[in-house]
PDB file of all heavy atoms in Angstrom:
ATOM      1  N   LEU A   1     -88.692  36.691 -31.314  1.00  0.00           N
ATOM      2  CA  LEU A   1     -87.943  37.257 -30.191  1.00  0.00           C
ATOM      3  C   LEU A   1     -88.086  38.772 -30.199  1.00  0.00           C
ATOM      4  O   LEU A   1     -87.723  39.433 -31.178  1.00  0.00           O
ATOM      5  CB  LEU A   1     -86.463  36.869 -30.288  1.00  0.00           C
ATOM      6  CG  LEU A   1     -86.133  35.371 -30.282  1.00  0.00           C
ATOM      7  CD1 LEU A   1     -84.641  35.162 -30.480  1.00  0.00           C
ATOM      8  CD2 LEU A   1     -86.594  34.720 -28.986  1.00  0.00           C
ATOM      9  N   THR A   2     -88.646  39.330 -29.140  1.00  0.00           N
ATOM     10  CA  THR A   2     -88.727  40.775 -28.984  1.00  0.00           C
ATOM     11  C   THR A   2     -87.533  41.268 -28.168  1.00  0.00           C
ATOM     12  O   THR A   2     -86.711  40.473 -27.711  1.00  0.00           O
ATOM     13  CB  THR A   2     -90.044  41.174 -28.298  1.00  0.00           C
ATOM     14  OG1 THR A   2     -90.137  40.488 -27.043  1.00  0.00           O
ATOM     15  CG2 THR A   2     -91.244  40.796 -29.165  1.00  0.00           C
ATOM     16  N   ASP A   3     -87.423  42.579 -27.989  1.00  0.00           N
ATOM     17  CA  ASP A   3     -86.262  43.182 -27.301  1.00  0.00           C
ATOM     18  C   ASP A   3     -84.959  42.705 -27.927  1.00  0.00           C
ATOM     19  O   ASP A   3     -83.960  42.482 -27.232  1.00  0.00           O
ATOM     20  CB  ASP A   3     -86.269  42.838 -25.806  1.00  0.00           C
ATOM     21  CG  ASP A   3     -87.442  43.438 -25.067  1.00  0.00           C
ATOM     22  OD1 ASP A   3     -87.532  44.677 -25.024  1.00  0.00           O
ATOM     23  OD2 ASP A   3     -88.280  42.663 -24.550  1.00  0.00           O
ATOM     24  N   SER A   4     -84.943  42.558 -29.239  1.00  0.00           N
ATOM     25  CA  SER A   4     -83.789  41.947 -29.919  1.00  0.00           C
ATOM     26  C   SER A   4     -83.354  42.787 -31.118  1.00  0.00           C
ATOM     27  O   SER A   4     -83.623  42.438 -32.279  1.00  0.00           O
ATOM     28  CB  SER A   4     -84.139  40.518 -30.374  1.00  0.00           C
ATOM     29  OG  SER A   4     -84.428  39.695 -29.264  1.00  0.00           O
ATOM     30  N   PRO A   5     -82.671  43.903 -30.870  1.00  0.00           N
ATOM     31  CA  PRO A   5     -82.238  44.761 -31.979  1.00  0.00           C
ATOM     32  C   PRO A   5     -81.062  44.165 -32.752  1.00  0.00           C
ATOM     33  O   PRO A   5     -80.052  43.757 -32.173  1.00  0.00           O
ATOM     34  CB  PRO A   5     -81.818  46.055 -31.272  1.00  0.00           C
ATOM     35  CG  PRO A   5     -81.455  45.635 -29.888  1.00  0.00           C
ATOM     36  CD  PRO A   5     -82.353  44.483 -29.550  1.00  0.00           C
ATOM     37  N   VAL A   6     -81.188  44.119 -34.056  1.00  0.00           N
ATOM     38  CA  VAL A   6     -80.114  43.638 -34.932  1.00  0.00           C
ATOM     39  C   VAL A   6     -79.178  44.799 -35.233  1.00  0.00           C
ATOM     40  O   VAL A   6     -79.625  45.879 -35.655  1.00  0.00           O
ATOM     41  CB  VAL A   6     -80.688  43.065 -36.239  1.00  0.00           C
ATOM     42  CG1 VAL A   6     -79.564  42.698 -37.204  1.00  0.00           C
ATOM     43  CG2 VAL A   6     -81.560  41.845 -35.942  1.00  0.00           C
ATOM     44  N   THR A   7     -77.893  44.587 -35.027  1.00  0.00           N
ATOM     45  CA  THR A   7     -76.926  45.659 -35.234  1.00  0.00           C
ATOM     46  C   THR A   7     -75.955  45.395 -36.381  1.00  0.00           C
ATOM     47  O   THR A   7     -75.327  46.317 -36.874  1.00  0.00           O
ATOM     48  CB  THR A   7     -76.105  45.899 -33.951  1.00  0.00           C
ATOM     49  OG1 THR A   7     -75.451  44.677 -33.575  1.00  0.00           O
ATOM     50  CG2 THR A   7     -77.004  46.360 -32.814  1.00  0.00           C
ATOM     51  N   ARG A   8     -75.809  44.130 -36.775  1.00  0.00           N
ATOM     52  CA  ARG A   8     -74.872  43.797 -37.860  1.00  0.00           C
ATOM     53  C   ARG A   8     -75.411  42.669 -38.708  1.00  0.00           C
ATOM     54  O   ARG A   8     -76.100  41.774 -38.215  1.00  0.00           O
ATOM     55  CB  ARG A   8     -73.514  43.356 -37.281  1.00  0.00           C
ATOM     56  CG  ARG A   8     -72.769  44.390 -36.476  1.00  0.00           C
ATOM     57  CD  ARG A   8     -72.202  45.505 -37.337  1.00  0.00           C
ATOM     58  NE  ARG A   8     -71.230  45.033 -38.311  1.00  0.00           N
ATOM     59  CZ  ARG A   8     -69.929  44.871 -38.039  1.00  0.00           C
ATOM     60  NH1 ARG A   8     -69.464  45.116 -36.821  1.00  0.00           N
ATOM     61  NH2 ARG A   8     -69.106  44.463 -38.971  1.00  0.00           N
ATOM     62  N   LEU A   9     -75.064  42.696 -39.985  1.00  0.00           N
ATOM     63  CA  LEU A   9     -75.244  41.541 -40.851  1.00  0.00           C
ATOM     64  C   LEU A   9     -73.973  40.710 -40.780  1.00  0.00           C
ATOM     65  O   LEU A   9     -72.863  41.252 -40.670  1.00  0.00           O
ATOM     66  CB  LEU A   9     -75.499  41.975 -42.293  1.00  0.00           C
ATOM     67  CG  LEU A   9     -76.744  42.847 -42.534  1.00  0.00           C
ATOM     68  CD1 LEU A   9     -76.856  43.194 -44.021  1.00  0.00           C
ATOM     69  CD2 LEU A   9     -78.009  42.149 -42.073  1.00  0.00           C
ATOM     70  N   LEU A  10     -74.103  39.399 -40.809  1.00  0.00           N
ATOM     71  CA  LEU A  10     -72.965  38.494 -40.697  1.00  0.00           C
ATOM     72  C   LEU A  10     -72.637  37.876 -42.048  1.00  0.00           C
ATOM     73  O   LEU A  10     -73.522  37.604 -42.856  1.00  0.00           O
ATOM     74  CB  LEU A  10     -73.269  37.378 -39.696  1.00  0.00           C
ATOM     75  CG  LEU A  10     -73.655  37.809 -38.280  1.00  0.00           C
ATOM     76  CD1 LEU A  10     -73.900  36.588 -37.416  1.00  0.00           C
ATOM     77  CD2 LEU A  10     -72.587  38.701 -37.669  1.00  0.00           C
ATOM     78  N   TYR A  11     -71.347  37.652 -42.229  1.00  0.00           N
ATOM     79  CA  TYR A  11     -70.886  37.030 -43.464  1.00  0.00           C
ATOM     80  C   TYR A  11     -69.960  35.872 -43.145  1.00  0.00           C
ATOM     81  O   TYR A  11     -69.255  35.875 -42.136  1.00  0.00           O
ATOM     82  CB  TYR A  11     -70.117  38.049 -44.330  1.00  0.00           C
ATOM     83  CG  TYR A  11     -70.990  39.142 -44.883  1.00  0.00           C
ATOM     84  CD1 TYR A  11     -71.333  40.242 -44.109  1.00  0.00           C
ATOM     85  CD2 TYR A  11     -71.497  39.060 -46.175  1.00  0.00           C
ATOM     86  CE1 TYR A  11     -72.150  41.238 -44.602  1.00  0.00           C
ATOM     87  CE2 TYR A  11     -72.318  40.056 -46.683  1.00  0.00           C
ATOM     88  CZ  TYR A  11     -72.636  41.145 -45.895  1.00  0.00           C
ATOM     89  OH  TYR A  11     -73.447  42.124 -46.388  1.00  0.00           O
ATOM     90  N   ALA A  12     -69.958  34.872 -44.009  1.00  0.00           N
ATOM     91  CA  ALA A  12     -69.000  33.774 -43.932  1.00  0.00           C
ATOM     92  C   ALA A  12     -68.528  33.479 -45.347  1.00  0.00           C
ATOM     93  O   ALA A  12     -69.351  33.260 -46.254  1.00  0.00           O
ATOM     94  CB  ALA A  12     -69.645  32.537 -43.317  1.00  0.00           C
ATOM     95  N   LYS A  13     -67.220  33.533 -45.538  1.00  0.00           N
ATOM     96  CA  LYS A  13     -66.636  33.296 -46.860  1.00  0.00           C
ATOM     97  C   LYS A  13     -67.272  34.187 -47.929  1.00  0.00           C
ATOM     98  O   LYS A  13     -67.515  33.771 -49.059  1.00  0.00           O
ATOM     99  CB  LYS A  13     -66.784  31.823 -47.245  1.00  0.00           C
ATOM    100  CG  LYS A  13     -66.072  30.876 -46.284  1.00  0.00           C
ATOM    101  CD  LYS A  13     -66.237  29.423 -46.707  1.00  0.00           C
ATOM    102  CE  LYS A  13     -65.516  28.493 -45.722  1.00  0.00           C
ATOM    103  NZ  LYS A  13     -65.692  27.064 -46.071  1.00  0.00           N
ATOM    104  N   GLY A  14     -67.544  35.444 -47.523  1.00  0.00           N
ATOM    105  CA  GLY A  14     -68.070  36.411 -48.469  1.00  0.00           C
ATOM    106  C   GLY A  14     -69.553  36.348 -48.714  1.00  0.00           C
ATOM    107  O   GLY A  14     -70.085  37.147 -49.489  1.00  0.00           O
ATOM    108  N   HIS A  15     -70.259  35.425 -48.056  1.00  0.00           N
ATOM    109  CA  HIS A  15     -71.690  35.274 -48.281  1.00  0.00           C
ATOM    110  C   HIS A  15     -72.466  35.687 -47.025  1.00  0.00           C
ATOM    111  O   HIS A  15     -72.045  35.406 -45.903  1.00  0.00           O
ATOM    112  CB  HIS A  15     -72.033  33.828 -48.642  1.00  0.00           C
ATOM    113  CG  HIS A  15     -71.424  33.377 -49.940  1.00  0.00           C
ATOM    114  ND1 HIS A  15     -71.918  33.748 -51.165  1.00  0.00           N
ATOM    115  CD2 HIS A  15     -70.345  32.589 -50.191  1.00  0.00           C
ATOM    116  CE1 HIS A  15     -71.180  33.208 -52.118  1.00  0.00           C
ATOM    117  NE2 HIS A  15     -70.217  32.500 -51.552  1.00  0.00           N
ATOM    118  N   LEU A  16     -73.612  36.311 -47.238  1.00  0.00           N
ATOM    119  CA  LEU A  16     -74.478  36.682 -46.127  1.00  0.00           C
ATOM    120  C   LEU A  16     -74.877  35.436 -45.357  1.00  0.00           C
ATOM    121  O   LEU A  16     -75.340  34.449 -45.940  1.00  0.00           O
ATOM    122  CB  LEU A  16     -75.726  37.394 -46.665  1.00  0.00           C
ATOM    123  CG  LEU A  16     -76.628  38.080 -45.652  1.00  0.00           C
ATOM    124  CD1 LEU A  16     -75.881  39.189 -44.930  1.00  0.00           C
ATOM    125  CD2 LEU A  16     -77.844  38.652 -46.363  1.00  0.00           C
ATOM    126  N   ASP A  17     -74.673  35.494 -44.032  1.00  0.00           N
ATOM    127  CA  ASP A  17     -74.801  34.264 -43.251  1.00  0.00           C
ATOM    128  C   ASP A  17     -75.693  34.411 -42.021  1.00  0.00           C
ATOM    129  O   ASP A  17     -75.840  33.479 -41.253  1.00  0.00           O
ATOM    130  CB  ASP A  17     -73.397  33.817 -42.809  1.00  0.00           C
ATOM    131  CG  ASP A  17     -73.375  32.395 -42.293  1.00  0.00           C
ATOM    132  OD1 ASP A  17     -73.791  31.485 -43.030  1.00  0.00           O
ATOM    133  OD2 ASP A  17     -72.968  32.201 -41.133  1.00  0.00           O
ATOM    134  N   GLY A  18     -76.295  35.592 -41.799  1.00  0.00           N
ATOM    135  CA  GLY A  18     -77.139  35.773 -40.630  1.00  0.00           C
ATOM    136  C   GLY A  18     -76.997  37.163 -40.061  1.00  0.00           C
ATOM    137  O   GLY A  18     -76.589  38.103 -40.755  1.00  0.00           O
ATOM    138  N   VAL A  19     -77.318  37.300 -38.756  1.00  0.00           N
ATOM    139  CA  VAL A  19     -77.322  38.615 -38.128  1.00  0.00           C
ATOM    140  C   VAL A  19     -76.778  38.525 -36.703  1.00  0.00           C
ATOM    141  O   VAL A  19     -76.797  37.464 -36.080  1.00  0.00           O
ATOM    142  CB  VAL A  19     -78.745  39.209 -38.088  1.00  0.00           C
ATOM    143  CG1 VAL A  19     -79.304  39.361 -39.488  1.00  0.00           C
ATOM    144  CG2 VAL A  19     -79.674  38.364 -37.226  1.00  0.00           C
ATOM    145  N   LEU A  20     -76.323  39.680 -36.217  1.00  0.00           N
ATOM    146  CA  LEU A  20     -75.899  39.823 -34.827  1.00  0.00           C
ATOM    147  C   LEU A  20     -76.935  40.642 -34.078  1.00  0.00           C
ATOM    148  O   LEU A  20     -77.339  41.715 -34.527  1.00  0.00           O
ATOM    149  CB  LEU A  20     -74.543  40.528 -34.752  1.00  0.00           C
ATOM    150  CG  LEU A  20     -74.052  40.931 -33.346  1.00  0.00           C
ATOM    151  CD1 LEU A  20     -73.720  39.688 -32.528  1.00  0.00           C
ATOM    152  CD2 LEU A  20     -72.836  41.851 -33.447  1.00  0.00           C
ATOM    153  N   VAL A  21     -77.375  40.135 -32.926  1.00  0.00           N
ATOM    154  CA  VAL A  21     -78.316  40.835 -32.061  1.00  0.00           C
ATOM    155  C   VAL A  21     -77.581  41.276 -30.808  1.00  0.00           C
ATOM    156  O   VAL A  21     -76.887  40.473 -30.171  1.00  0.00           O
ATOM    157  CB  VAL A  21     -79.500  39.919 -31.670  1.00  0.00           C
ATOM    158  CG1 VAL A  21     -80.441  40.642 -30.716  1.00  0.00           C
ATOM    159  CG2 VAL A  21     -80.253  39.454 -32.913  1.00  0.00           C
ATOM    160  N   GLU A  22     -77.724  42.552 -30.462  1.00  0.00           N
ATOM    161  CA  GLU A  22     -77.093  43.071 -29.243  1.00  0.00           C
ATOM    162  C   GLU A  22     -78.183  43.620 -28.339  1.00  0.00           C
ATOM    163  O   GLU A  22     -78.752  44.687 -28.594  1.00  0.00           O
ATOM    164  CB  GLU A  22     -76.065  44.144 -29.595  1.00  0.00           C
ATOM    165  CG  GLU A  22     -74.877  43.584 -30.372  1.00  0.00           C
ATOM    166  CD  GLU A  22     -73.802  44.616 -30.628  1.00  0.00           C
ATOM    167  OE1 GLU A  22     -73.978  45.422 -31.560  1.00  0.00           O
ATOM    168  OE2 GLU A  22     -72.795  44.621 -29.897  1.00  0.00           O
ATOM    169  N   LYS A  23     -78.467  42.882 -27.259  1.00  0.00           N
ATOM    170  CA  LYS A  23     -79.546  43.242 -26.329  1.00  0.00           C
ATOM    171  C   LYS A  23     -78.999  44.092 -25.195  1.00  0.00           C
ATOM    172  O   LYS A  23     -77.790  44.185 -24.993  1.00  0.00           O
ATOM    173  CB  LYS A  23     -80.176  41.957 -25.778  1.00  0.00           C
ATOM    174  CG  LYS A  23     -80.792  41.067 -26.845  1.00  0.00           C
ATOM    175  CD  LYS A  23     -81.489  39.861 -26.257  1.00  0.00           C
ATOM    176  CE  LYS A  23     -82.766  40.257 -25.569  1.00  0.00           C
ATOM    177  NZ  LYS A  23     -83.626  39.078 -25.270  1.00  0.00           N
ATOM    178  N   PRO A  24     -79.894  44.719 -24.431  1.00  0.00           N
ATOM    179  CA  PRO A  24     -79.437  45.483 -23.257  1.00  0.00           C
ATOM    180  C   PRO A  24     -78.651  44.597 -22.294  1.00  0.00           C
ATOM    181  O   PRO A  24     -78.843  43.379 -22.243  1.00  0.00           O
ATOM    182  CB  PRO A  24     -80.754  45.957 -22.624  1.00  0.00           C
ATOM    183  CG  PRO A  24     -81.747  45.934 -23.741  1.00  0.00           C
ATOM    184  CD  PRO A  24     -81.349  44.799 -24.621  1.00  0.00           C
ATOM    185  N   GLY A  25     -77.781  45.221 -21.542  1.00  0.00           N
ATOM    186  CA  GLY A  25     -77.013  44.465 -20.562  1.00  0.00           C
ATOM    187  C   GLY A  25     -75.841  43.723 -21.167  1.00  0.00           C
ATOM    188  O   GLY A  25     -75.398  42.689 -20.653  1.00  0.00           O
ATOM    189  N   ASP A  26     -75.322  44.240 -22.299  1.00  0.00           N
ATOM    190  CA  ASP A  26     -74.151  43.631 -22.942  1.00  0.00           C
ATOM    191  C   ASP A  26     -74.380  42.170 -23.297  1.00  0.00           C
ATOM    192  O   ASP A  26     -73.442  41.369 -23.274  1.00  0.00           O
ATOM    193  CB  ASP A  26     -72.899  43.759 -22.048  1.00  0.00           C
ATOM    194  CG  ASP A  26     -72.511  45.211 -21.830  1.00  0.00           C
ATOM    195  OD1 ASP A  26     -72.652  45.992 -22.788  1.00  0.00           O
ATOM    196  OD2 ASP A  26     -72.084  45.550 -20.718  1.00  0.00           O
ATOM    197  N   HIS A  27     -75.609  41.820 -23.607  1.00  0.00           N
ATOM    198  CA  HIS A  27     -75.890  40.447 -24.011  1.00  0.00           C
ATOM    199  C   HIS A  27     -76.118  40.404 -25.515  1.00  0.00           C
ATOM    200  O   HIS A  27     -76.924  41.150 -26.050  1.00  0.00           O
ATOM    201  CB  HIS A  27     -77.134  39.909 -23.281  1.00  0.00           C
ATOM    202  CG  HIS A  27     -77.517  38.542 -23.732  1.00  0.00           C
ATOM    203  ND1 HIS A  27     -76.674  37.471 -23.644  1.00  0.00           N
ATOM    204  CD2 HIS A  27     -78.654  38.071 -24.311  1.00  0.00           C
ATOM    205  CE1 HIS A  27     -77.272  36.394 -24.120  1.00  0.00           C
ATOM    206  NE2 HIS A  27     -78.474  36.737 -24.543  1.00  0.00           N
TER     207      HIS A  27
END
């Protein structure tokens, strides 16, 4: 996926669980 900047690392129960992508247009 292009045009997909990662802005945060995600955690669940203290463990790294993925990432948050915030694209243009508040998506």
